[in-house]
Amino acid sequence: MAAQPNLREVRFDLEVRIDRPVGAVFAYVTDIRNLPQWQESAEAADWIVEGSRFRERRSFLGRAAELELEVTAFELDRRFDVKVVTGPVKFEIRHRFEPVDSDTRVHVSAEAAIGGALRFAAGMAKRQAERQFRADLQRLKEVLERRDEESPSDRPPRLADE
């Protein structure tokens, strides 16, 4: 059996098309307090400095981690990039938002530095991270597309004589 390559970083690119206007998708994604609603590992996220630095609490394989992230690019309805400044793994995520007819295409590029013993398992870590990002983007799509639909539980109860 051949040894896995001794990778120093992991990169991948993903896309999702969401049946919502670009402004609505951008506003939802950039409101970091929404992270736990569409990212499985996110437990909480709050701004430290509104619009430029935030803290996340995540759970990976039963282990809790706190990360501090910095917004590195913000272009209204076009781009939202972040990078970890403190946390167990250093990574950067770039989000691009493009209108496609009345929908939005979200393109996500992720890059993580892999150090120490993790470098030998980088291939497996990449596959797991990519699978998780793909599932999170699908959840984002479902959450945002469902927002247009009124759930029966959202409607006030009808009275018998109505």
N, C-alpha and C. Protein backbone atom coordinates (compact mmCIF):
# COMPACT_ATOMS: atom_id res chain seq x y z
N MET A 1 0.85 -1.18 0.00
CA MET A 1 0.00 0.00 0.00
C MET A 1 0.90 1.24 0.00
N ALA A 2 0.62 2.15 -0.92
CA ALA A 2 1.42 3.37 -1.02
C ALA A 2 1.04 4.35 0.08
N ALA A 3 2.02 5.07 0.56
CA ALA A 3 1.77 6.09 1.58
C ALA A 3 1.03 7.27 0.96
N GLN A 4 0.19 7.93 1.75
CA GLN A 4 -0.49 9.13 1.28
C GLN A 4 0.53 10.25 1.15
N PRO A 5 0.29 11.16 0.25
CA PRO A 5 1.22 12.28 0.10
C PRO A 5 1.26 13.12 1.37
N ASN A 6 2.40 13.72 1.60
CA ASN A 6 2.60 14.57 2.77
C ASN A 6 2.16 15.99 2.41
N LEU A 7 0.83 16.20 2.38
CA LEU A 7 0.26 17.47 1.94
C LEU A 7 0.42 18.56 2.99
N ARG A 8 0.63 19.78 2.52
CA ARG A 8 0.74 20.92 3.42
C ARG A 8 -0.53 21.75 3.44
N GLU A 9 -1.37 21.62 2.40
CA GLU A 9 -2.63 22.35 2.40
C GLU A 9 -3.67 21.57 1.61
N VAL A 10 -4.92 21.90 1.91
CA VAL A 10 -6.06 21.27 1.26
C VAL A 10 -6.87 22.39 0.61
N ARG A 11 -7.30 22.16 -0.62
CA ARG A 11 -8.11 23.15 -1.35
C ARG A 11 -9.25 22.44 -2.05
N PHE A 12 -10.39 23.14 -2.16
CA PHE A 12 -11.47 22.67 -3.00
C PHE A 12 -12.41 23.82 -3.32
N ASP A 13 -13.18 23.62 -4.39
CA ASP A 13 -14.15 24.60 -4.88
C ASP A 13 -15.49 23.91 -5.06
N LEU A 14 -16.56 24.57 -4.62
CA LEU A 14 -17.91 24.03 -4.74
C LEU A 14 -18.86 25.13 -5.19
N GLU A 15 -19.98 24.73 -5.78
CA GLU A 15 -21.01 25.69 -6.19
C GLU A 15 -22.38 25.14 -5.84
N VAL A 16 -23.30 26.08 -5.62
CA VAL A 16 -24.71 25.73 -5.46
C VAL A 16 -25.53 26.84 -6.08
N ARG A 17 -26.64 26.47 -6.67
CA ARG A 17 -27.57 27.45 -7.24
C ARG A 17 -28.81 27.48 -6.36
N ILE A 18 -29.17 28.68 -5.92
CA ILE A 18 -30.26 28.85 -4.96
C ILE A 18 -31.35 29.70 -5.61
N ASP A 19 -32.57 29.22 -5.50
CA ASP A 19 -33.72 29.90 -6.09
C ASP A 19 -34.16 31.05 -5.19
N ARG A 20 -33.29 32.05 -5.09
CA ARG A 20 -33.55 33.29 -4.33
C ARG A 20 -32.69 34.37 -4.95
N PRO A 21 -33.11 35.63 -4.84
CA PRO A 21 -32.31 36.73 -5.39
C PRO A 21 -30.96 36.86 -4.67
N VAL A 22 -29.97 37.35 -5.39
CA VAL A 22 -28.62 37.44 -4.85
C VAL A 22 -28.58 38.27 -3.55
N GLY A 23 -29.34 39.34 -3.46
CA GLY A 23 -29.33 40.17 -2.25
C GLY A 23 -29.78 39.40 -1.02
N ALA A 24 -30.79 38.56 -1.18
CA ALA A 24 -31.30 37.77 -0.04
C ALA A 24 -30.29 36.72 0.39
N VAL A 25 -29.66 36.05 -0.58
CA VAL A 25 -28.67 35.01 -0.25
C VAL A 25 -27.46 35.64 0.41
N PHE A 26 -26.96 36.74 -0.15
CA PHE A 26 -25.80 37.42 0.41
C PHE A 26 -26.08 37.88 1.84
N ALA A 27 -27.24 38.49 2.07
CA ALA A 27 -27.59 38.99 3.41
C ALA A 27 -27.64 37.85 4.41
N TYR A 28 -28.19 36.72 4.03
CA TYR A 28 -28.31 35.58 4.94
C TYR A 28 -26.93 35.00 5.28
N VAL A 29 -26.11 34.78 4.26
CA VAL A 29 -24.79 34.17 4.48
C VAL A 29 -23.89 35.09 5.30
N THR A 30 -23.95 36.39 5.06
CA THR A 30 -23.05 37.31 5.75
C THR A 30 -23.54 37.68 7.15
N ASP A 31 -24.75 37.28 7.51
CA ASP A 31 -25.20 37.42 8.90
C ASP A 31 -24.73 36.17 9.62
N ILE A 32 -23.55 36.25 10.20
CA ILE A 32 -22.90 35.06 10.76
C ILE A 32 -23.71 34.40 11.87
N ARG A 33 -24.67 35.11 12.43
CA ARG A 33 -25.52 34.49 13.46
C ARG A 33 -26.38 33.39 12.88
N ASN A 34 -26.51 33.34 11.55
CA ASN A 34 -27.27 32.27 10.88
C ASN A 34 -26.48 30.98 10.72
N LEU A 35 -25.18 30.99 10.95
CA LEU A 35 -24.34 29.81 10.69
C LEU A 35 -24.90 28.52 11.29
N PRO A 36 -25.34 28.51 12.55
CA PRO A 36 -25.84 27.23 13.10
C PRO A 36 -27.08 26.69 12.38
N GLN A 37 -27.79 27.53 11.65
CA GLN A 37 -28.98 27.08 10.93
C GLN A 37 -28.63 26.32 9.65
N TRP A 38 -27.44 26.56 9.09
CA TRP A 38 -27.12 25.90 7.82
C TRP A 38 -25.78 25.17 7.80
N GLN A 39 -24.96 25.32 8.83
CA GLN A 39 -23.70 24.58 8.90
C GLN A 39 -23.77 23.60 10.07
N GLU A 40 -23.66 22.33 9.75
CA GLU A 40 -23.85 21.28 10.74
C GLU A 40 -22.93 21.40 11.95
N SER A 41 -21.67 21.75 11.74
CA SER A 41 -20.72 21.77 12.86
C SER A 41 -20.80 23.05 13.69
N ALA A 42 -21.49 24.09 13.18
CA ALA A 42 -21.56 25.37 13.90
C ALA A 42 -22.57 25.31 15.03
N GLU A 43 -22.15 25.70 16.21
CA GLU A 43 -23.04 25.76 17.37
C GLU A 43 -23.46 27.19 17.68
N ALA A 44 -22.55 28.15 17.45
CA ALA A 44 -22.84 29.56 17.72
C ALA A 44 -21.83 30.42 16.97
N ALA A 45 -22.26 31.65 16.66
CA ALA A 45 -21.36 32.62 16.04
C ALA A 45 -21.84 34.01 16.42
N ASP A 46 -20.90 34.85 16.84
CA ASP A 46 -21.23 36.21 17.25
C ASP A 46 -20.12 37.15 16.82
N TRP A 47 -20.50 38.36 16.49
CA TRP A 47 -19.53 39.37 16.11
C TRP A 47 -18.72 39.83 17.33
N ILE A 48 -17.43 39.94 17.16
CA ILE A 48 -16.55 40.58 18.14
C ILE A 48 -16.47 42.06 17.76
N VAL A 49 -16.20 42.31 16.49
CA VAL A 49 -16.24 43.66 15.91
C VAL A 49 -17.16 43.54 14.70
N GLU A 50 -18.33 44.15 14.80
CA GLU A 50 -19.36 44.03 13.75
C GLU A 50 -18.78 44.26 12.37
N GLY A 51 -18.98 43.26 11.50
CA GLY A 51 -18.56 43.37 10.11
C GLY A 51 -17.11 43.04 9.82
N SER A 52 -16.28 42.84 10.85
CA SER A 52 -14.87 42.57 10.54
C SER A 52 -14.25 41.38 11.29
N ARG A 53 -14.76 41.05 12.46
CA ARG A 53 -14.17 39.93 13.22
C ARG A 53 -15.28 39.25 14.02
N PHE A 54 -15.26 37.89 13.97
CA PHE A 54 -16.28 37.15 14.72
C PHE A 54 -15.71 35.88 15.32
N ARG A 55 -16.47 35.33 16.24
CA ARG A 55 -16.07 34.12 16.96
C ARG A 55 -17.11 33.04 16.66
N GLU A 56 -16.64 31.83 16.40
CA GLU A 56 -17.51 30.68 16.18
C GLU A 56 -17.21 29.62 17.22
N ARG A 57 -18.24 28.89 17.57
CA ARG A 57 -18.06 27.68 18.37
C ARG A 57 -18.57 26.53 17.51
N ARG A 58 -17.71 25.54 17.31
CA ARG A 58 -18.04 24.40 16.46
C ARG A 58 -17.76 23.10 17.18
N SER A 59 -18.36 22.05 16.68
CA SER A 59 -18.12 20.71 17.21
C SER A 59 -17.69 19.82 16.06
N PHE A 60 -16.51 19.23 16.17
CA PHE A 60 -15.97 18.31 15.17
C PHE A 60 -15.76 16.95 15.83
N LEU A 61 -16.42 15.94 15.32
CA LEU A 61 -16.25 14.58 15.83
C LEU A 61 -16.34 14.53 17.36
N GLY A 62 -17.31 15.24 17.91
CA GLY A 62 -17.53 15.23 19.34
C GLY A 62 -16.61 16.16 20.13
N ARG A 63 -15.75 16.88 19.47
CA ARG A 63 -14.84 17.80 20.16
C ARG A 63 -15.23 19.24 19.85
N ALA A 64 -15.26 20.06 20.87
CA ALA A 64 -15.62 21.48 20.71
C ALA A 64 -14.37 22.28 20.33
N ALA A 65 -14.58 23.29 19.51
CA ALA A 65 -13.49 24.17 19.11
C ALA A 65 -14.04 25.59 19.01
N GLU A 66 -13.24 26.54 19.45
CA GLU A 66 -13.60 27.95 19.29
C GLU A 66 -12.61 28.57 18.31
N LEU A 67 -13.16 29.29 17.34
CA LEU A 67 -12.36 29.90 16.29
C LEU A 67 -12.64 31.39 16.27
N GLU A 68 -11.65 32.16 15.95
CA GLU A 68 -11.85 33.59 15.70
C GLU A 68 -11.50 33.83 14.24
N LEU A 69 -12.42 34.48 13.53
CA LEU A 69 -12.25 34.72 12.11
C LEU A 69 -12.28 36.20 11.79
N GLU A 70 -11.62 36.54 10.70
CA GLU A 70 -11.57 37.92 10.24
C GLU A 70 -12.15 37.98 8.83
N VAL A 71 -12.96 38.98 8.57
CA VAL A 71 -13.49 39.21 7.22
C VAL A 71 -12.38 39.85 6.40
N THR A 72 -11.99 39.20 5.31
CA THR A 72 -10.89 39.69 4.49
C THR A 72 -11.37 40.36 3.21
N ALA A 73 -12.62 40.12 2.82
CA ALA A 73 -13.20 40.80 1.66
C ALA A 73 -14.70 40.87 1.84
N PHE A 74 -15.26 42.03 1.53
CA PHE A 74 -16.71 42.23 1.61
C PHE A 74 -17.11 43.18 0.49
N GLU A 75 -17.77 42.63 -0.52
CA GLU A 75 -18.31 43.43 -1.62
C GLU A 75 -19.80 43.11 -1.68
N LEU A 76 -20.63 44.07 -1.39
CA LEU A 76 -22.07 43.87 -1.30
C LEU A 76 -22.61 43.07 -2.47
N ASP A 77 -23.31 41.98 -2.13
CA ASP A 77 -23.96 41.09 -3.09
C ASP A 77 -23.00 40.40 -4.06
N ARG A 78 -21.69 40.44 -3.77
CA ARG A 78 -20.72 39.83 -4.69
C ARG A 78 -19.72 38.91 -4.02
N ARG A 79 -19.19 39.34 -2.86
CA ARG A 79 -18.07 38.59 -2.29
C ARG A 79 -18.04 38.72 -0.77
N PHE A 80 -17.71 37.60 -0.12
CA PHE A 80 -17.55 37.57 1.33
C PHE A 80 -16.49 36.53 1.64
N ASP A 81 -15.32 36.97 2.09
CA ASP A 81 -14.20 36.08 2.37
C ASP A 81 -13.81 36.19 3.84
N VAL A 82 -13.44 35.07 4.42
CA VAL A 82 -13.02 35.05 5.82
C VAL A 82 -11.79 34.16 5.97
N LYS A 83 -11.05 34.41 7.06
CA LYS A 83 -9.93 33.53 7.39
C LYS A 83 -9.86 33.39 8.90
N VAL A 84 -9.40 32.23 9.34
CA VAL A 84 -9.23 31.97 10.76
C VAL A 84 -7.98 32.67 11.24
N VAL A 85 -8.10 33.39 12.36
CA VAL A 85 -6.92 34.03 12.95
C VAL A 85 -6.50 33.31 14.24
N THR A 86 -7.45 32.67 14.91
CA THR A 86 -7.10 31.80 16.04
C THR A 86 -8.01 30.57 16.00
N GLY A 87 -7.41 29.42 16.24
CA GLY A 87 -8.18 28.18 16.23
C GLY A 87 -7.27 27.01 15.91
N PRO A 88 -7.79 25.80 16.03
CA PRO A 88 -6.95 24.61 15.84
C PRO A 88 -6.50 24.38 14.40
N VAL A 89 -7.25 24.88 13.41
CA VAL A 89 -6.88 24.72 12.01
C VAL A 89 -6.99 26.08 11.33
N LYS A 90 -5.97 26.44 10.58
CA LYS A 90 -5.98 27.71 9.84
C LYS A 90 -6.60 27.45 8.47
N PHE A 91 -7.62 28.23 8.12
CA PHE A 91 -8.23 28.09 6.81
C PHE A 91 -8.79 29.42 6.34
N GLU A 92 -9.02 29.49 5.04
CA GLU A 92 -9.64 30.65 4.40
C GLU A 92 -10.80 30.14 3.56
N ILE A 93 -11.87 30.91 3.54
CA ILE A 93 -13.03 30.56 2.73
C ILE A 93 -13.43 31.80 1.94
N ARG A 94 -13.57 31.62 0.64
CA ARG A 94 -13.99 32.71 -0.24
C ARG A 94 -15.37 32.37 -0.80
N HIS A 95 -16.30 33.30 -0.66
CA HIS A 95 -17.66 33.14 -1.19
C HIS A 95 -17.86 34.16 -2.30
N ARG A 96 -18.29 33.69 -3.48
CA ARG A 96 -18.67 34.59 -4.57
C ARG A 96 -20.16 34.37 -4.85
N PHE A 97 -20.87 35.46 -5.06
CA PHE A 97 -22.31 35.42 -5.30
C PHE A 97 -22.57 36.01 -6.69
N GLU A 98 -23.30 35.27 -7.53
CA GLU A 98 -23.58 35.72 -8.89
C GLU A 98 -25.06 35.56 -9.19
N PRO A 99 -25.68 36.61 -9.72
CA PRO A 99 -27.07 36.44 -10.15
C PRO A 99 -27.12 35.59 -11.42
N VAL A 100 -28.05 34.64 -11.46
CA VAL A 100 -28.29 33.81 -12.63
C VAL A 100 -29.80 33.81 -12.83
N ASP A 101 -30.26 34.61 -13.78
CA ASP A 101 -31.69 34.87 -13.94
C ASP A 101 -32.19 35.43 -12.61
N SER A 102 -33.19 34.81 -12.00
CA SER A 102 -33.67 35.31 -10.70
C SER A 102 -33.06 34.53 -9.54
N ASP A 103 -32.15 33.62 -9.85
CA ASP A 103 -31.49 32.79 -8.83
C ASP A 103 -30.13 33.37 -8.46
N THR A 104 -29.45 32.66 -7.56
CA THR A 104 -28.10 33.05 -7.15
C THR A 104 -27.20 31.83 -7.22
N ARG A 105 -26.04 32.00 -7.84
CA ARG A 105 -25.01 30.97 -7.80
C ARG A 105 -24.01 31.37 -6.73
N VAL A 106 -23.78 30.48 -5.78
CA VAL A 106 -22.80 30.70 -4.72
C VAL A 106 -21.62 29.79 -5.02
N HIS A 107 -20.46 30.38 -5.16
CA HIS A 107 -19.22 29.63 -5.39
C HIS A 107 -18.37 29.76 -4.13
N VAL A 108 -17.97 28.64 -3.57
CA VAL A 108 -17.17 28.62 -2.35
C VAL A 108 -15.83 27.97 -2.65
N SER A 109 -14.75 28.67 -2.30
CA SER A 109 -13.40 28.13 -2.38
C SER A 109 -12.86 28.05 -0.97
N ALA A 110 -12.32 26.91 -0.61
CA ALA A 110 -11.76 26.73 0.73
C ALA A 110 -10.32 26.27 0.61
N GLU A 111 -9.52 26.75 1.55
CA GLU A 111 -8.10 26.40 1.59
C GLU A 111 -7.70 26.31 3.06
N ALA A 112 -7.09 25.19 3.43
CA ALA A 112 -6.67 25.00 4.82
C ALA A 112 -5.22 24.56 4.87
N ALA A 113 -4.49 25.13 5.81
CA ALA A 113 -3.11 24.70 6.06
C ALA A 113 -3.16 23.47 6.94
N ILE A 114 -2.39 22.48 6.58
CA ILE A 114 -2.35 21.22 7.34
C ILE A 114 -0.95 21.09 7.92
N GLY A 115 -0.87 20.94 9.22
CA GLY A 115 0.43 20.84 9.86
C GLY A 115 0.57 19.59 10.70
N GLY A 116 1.79 19.31 11.09
CA GLY A 116 2.08 18.21 12.00
C GLY A 116 1.63 16.86 11.47
N ALA A 117 1.16 16.03 12.37
CA ALA A 117 0.74 14.67 12.02
C ALA A 117 -0.45 14.66 11.08
N LEU A 118 -1.24 15.73 11.07
CA LEU A 118 -2.41 15.79 10.20
C LEU A 118 -2.04 15.74 8.72
N ARG A 119 -0.81 16.12 8.39
CA ARG A 119 -0.40 16.11 6.98
C ARG A 119 -0.49 14.73 6.38
N PHE A 120 -0.26 13.70 7.17
CA PHE A 120 -0.31 12.33 6.65
C PHE A 120 -1.74 11.87 6.39
N ALA A 121 -2.71 12.53 7.01
CA ALA A 121 -4.12 12.19 6.80
C ALA A 121 -4.84 13.27 6.00
N ALA A 122 -4.09 14.12 5.32
CA ALA A 122 -4.67 15.26 4.62
C ALA A 122 -5.66 14.84 3.54
N GLY A 123 -5.39 13.76 2.82
CA GLY A 123 -6.32 13.29 1.80
C GLY A 123 -7.67 12.95 2.39
N MET A 124 -7.67 12.24 3.50
CA MET A 124 -8.91 11.89 4.17
C MET A 124 -9.59 13.13 4.73
N ALA A 125 -8.80 14.05 5.31
CA ALA A 125 -9.36 15.29 5.86
C ALA A 125 -10.00 16.11 4.75
N LYS A 126 -9.37 16.16 3.58
CA LYS A 126 -9.92 16.91 2.45
C LYS A 126 -11.27 16.33 2.04
N ARG A 127 -11.34 15.02 1.89
CA ARG A 127 -12.60 14.39 1.48
C ARG A 127 -13.71 14.66 2.50
N GLN A 128 -13.36 14.56 3.78
CA GLN A 128 -14.36 14.80 4.83
C GLN A 128 -14.82 16.26 4.82
N ALA A 129 -13.87 17.20 4.73
CA ALA A 129 -14.22 18.62 4.72
C ALA A 129 -15.06 18.96 3.49
N GLU A 130 -14.68 18.44 2.35
CA GLU A 130 -15.43 18.72 1.13
C GLU A 130 -16.85 18.15 1.22
N ARG A 131 -16.98 16.96 1.75
CA ARG A 131 -18.31 16.35 1.95
C ARG A 131 -19.16 17.21 2.88
N GLN A 132 -18.54 17.72 3.96
CA GLN A 132 -19.27 18.55 4.92
C GLN A 132 -19.69 19.88 4.28
N PHE A 133 -18.79 20.52 3.55
CA PHE A 133 -19.12 21.78 2.87
C PHE A 133 -20.24 21.56 1.87
N ARG A 134 -20.18 20.45 1.12
CA ARG A 134 -21.22 20.15 0.14
C ARG A 134 -22.57 20.00 0.83
N ALA A 135 -22.61 19.28 1.95
CA ALA A 135 -23.85 19.10 2.71
C ALA A 135 -24.34 20.43 3.27
N ASP A 136 -23.42 21.27 3.76
CA ASP A 136 -23.80 22.58 4.30
C ASP A 136 -24.39 23.47 3.20
N LEU A 137 -23.81 23.44 2.00
CA LEU A 137 -24.35 24.25 0.91
C LEU A 137 -25.74 23.75 0.50
N GLN A 138 -25.93 22.45 0.53
CA GLN A 138 -27.26 21.92 0.22
C GLN A 138 -28.26 22.36 1.29
N ARG A 139 -27.84 22.36 2.55
CA ARG A 139 -28.70 22.82 3.64
C ARG A 139 -29.01 24.31 3.48
N LEU A 140 -28.01 25.12 3.09
CA LEU A 140 -28.23 26.54 2.83
C LEU A 140 -29.30 26.72 1.77
N LYS A 141 -29.20 25.97 0.69
CA LYS A 141 -30.18 26.03 -0.39
C LYS A 141 -31.58 25.70 0.15
N GLU A 142 -31.68 24.62 0.90
CA GLU A 142 -32.98 24.20 1.43
C GLU A 142 -33.56 25.25 2.38
N VAL A 143 -32.74 25.78 3.26
CA VAL A 143 -33.21 26.79 4.22
C VAL A 143 -33.71 28.03 3.49
N LEU A 144 -32.93 28.53 2.54
CA LEU A 144 -33.31 29.76 1.85
C LEU A 144 -34.49 29.57 0.90
N GLU A 145 -34.56 28.45 0.24
CA GLU A 145 -35.69 28.23 -0.66
C GLU A 145 -36.98 27.97 0.12
N ARG A 146 -36.86 27.43 1.29
CA ARG A 146 -38.03 27.18 2.15
C ARG A 146 -38.56 28.48 2.75
N ARG A 147 -37.72 29.51 2.86
CA ARG A 147 -38.14 30.78 3.47
C ARG A 147 -39.28 31.43 2.71
N ASP A 148 -39.41 31.13 1.41
CA ASP A 148 -40.50 31.70 0.62
C ASP A 148 -41.83 30.99 0.87
N GLU A 149 -41.75 29.78 1.37
CA GLU A 149 -42.96 29.00 1.60
C GLU A 149 -43.44 29.24 3.02
N GLU A 150 -44.72 29.43 3.16
CA GLU A 150 -45.28 29.60 4.49
C GLU A 150 -45.63 28.22 5.03
N SER A 151 -45.09 27.89 6.14
CA SER A 151 -45.39 26.63 6.78
C SER A 151 -46.75 26.73 7.47
N PRO A 152 -47.53 25.66 7.47
CA PRO A 152 -48.81 25.72 8.18
C PRO A 152 -48.64 26.10 9.64
N SER A 153 -47.53 25.75 10.24
CA SER A 153 -47.32 26.09 11.65
C SER A 153 -47.02 27.57 11.83
N ASP A 154 -46.70 28.29 10.72
CA ASP A 154 -46.43 29.72 10.80
C ASP A 154 -47.72 30.55 10.77
N ARG A 155 -48.81 29.92 10.32
CA ARG A 155 -50.08 30.64 10.22
C ARG A 155 -50.82 30.62 11.54
N PRO A 156 -51.52 31.70 11.85
CA PRO A 156 -52.32 31.70 13.08
C PRO A 156 -53.45 30.67 12.95
N PRO A 157 -53.85 30.07 14.05
CA PRO A 157 -54.93 29.08 13.99
C PRO A 157 -56.24 29.75 13.55
N ARG A 158 -57.04 29.00 12.81
CA ARG A 158 -58.33 29.51 12.37
C ARG A 158 -59.37 29.19 13.43
N LEU A 159 -60.25 30.12 13.62
CA LEU A 159 -61.34 29.91 14.57
C LEU A 159 -62.43 29.10 13.88
N ALA A 160 -63.20 28.36 14.66
CA ALA A 160 -64.22 27.46 14.12
C ALA A 160 -65.25 28.20 13.28
N ASP A 161 -65.60 29.43 13.63
CA ASP A 161 -66.64 30.12 12.88
C ASP A 161 -66.10 30.96 11.73
N GLU A 162 -64.84 30.82 11.36
CA GLU A 162 -64.29 31.58 10.23
C GLU A 162 -64.58 30.88 8.94
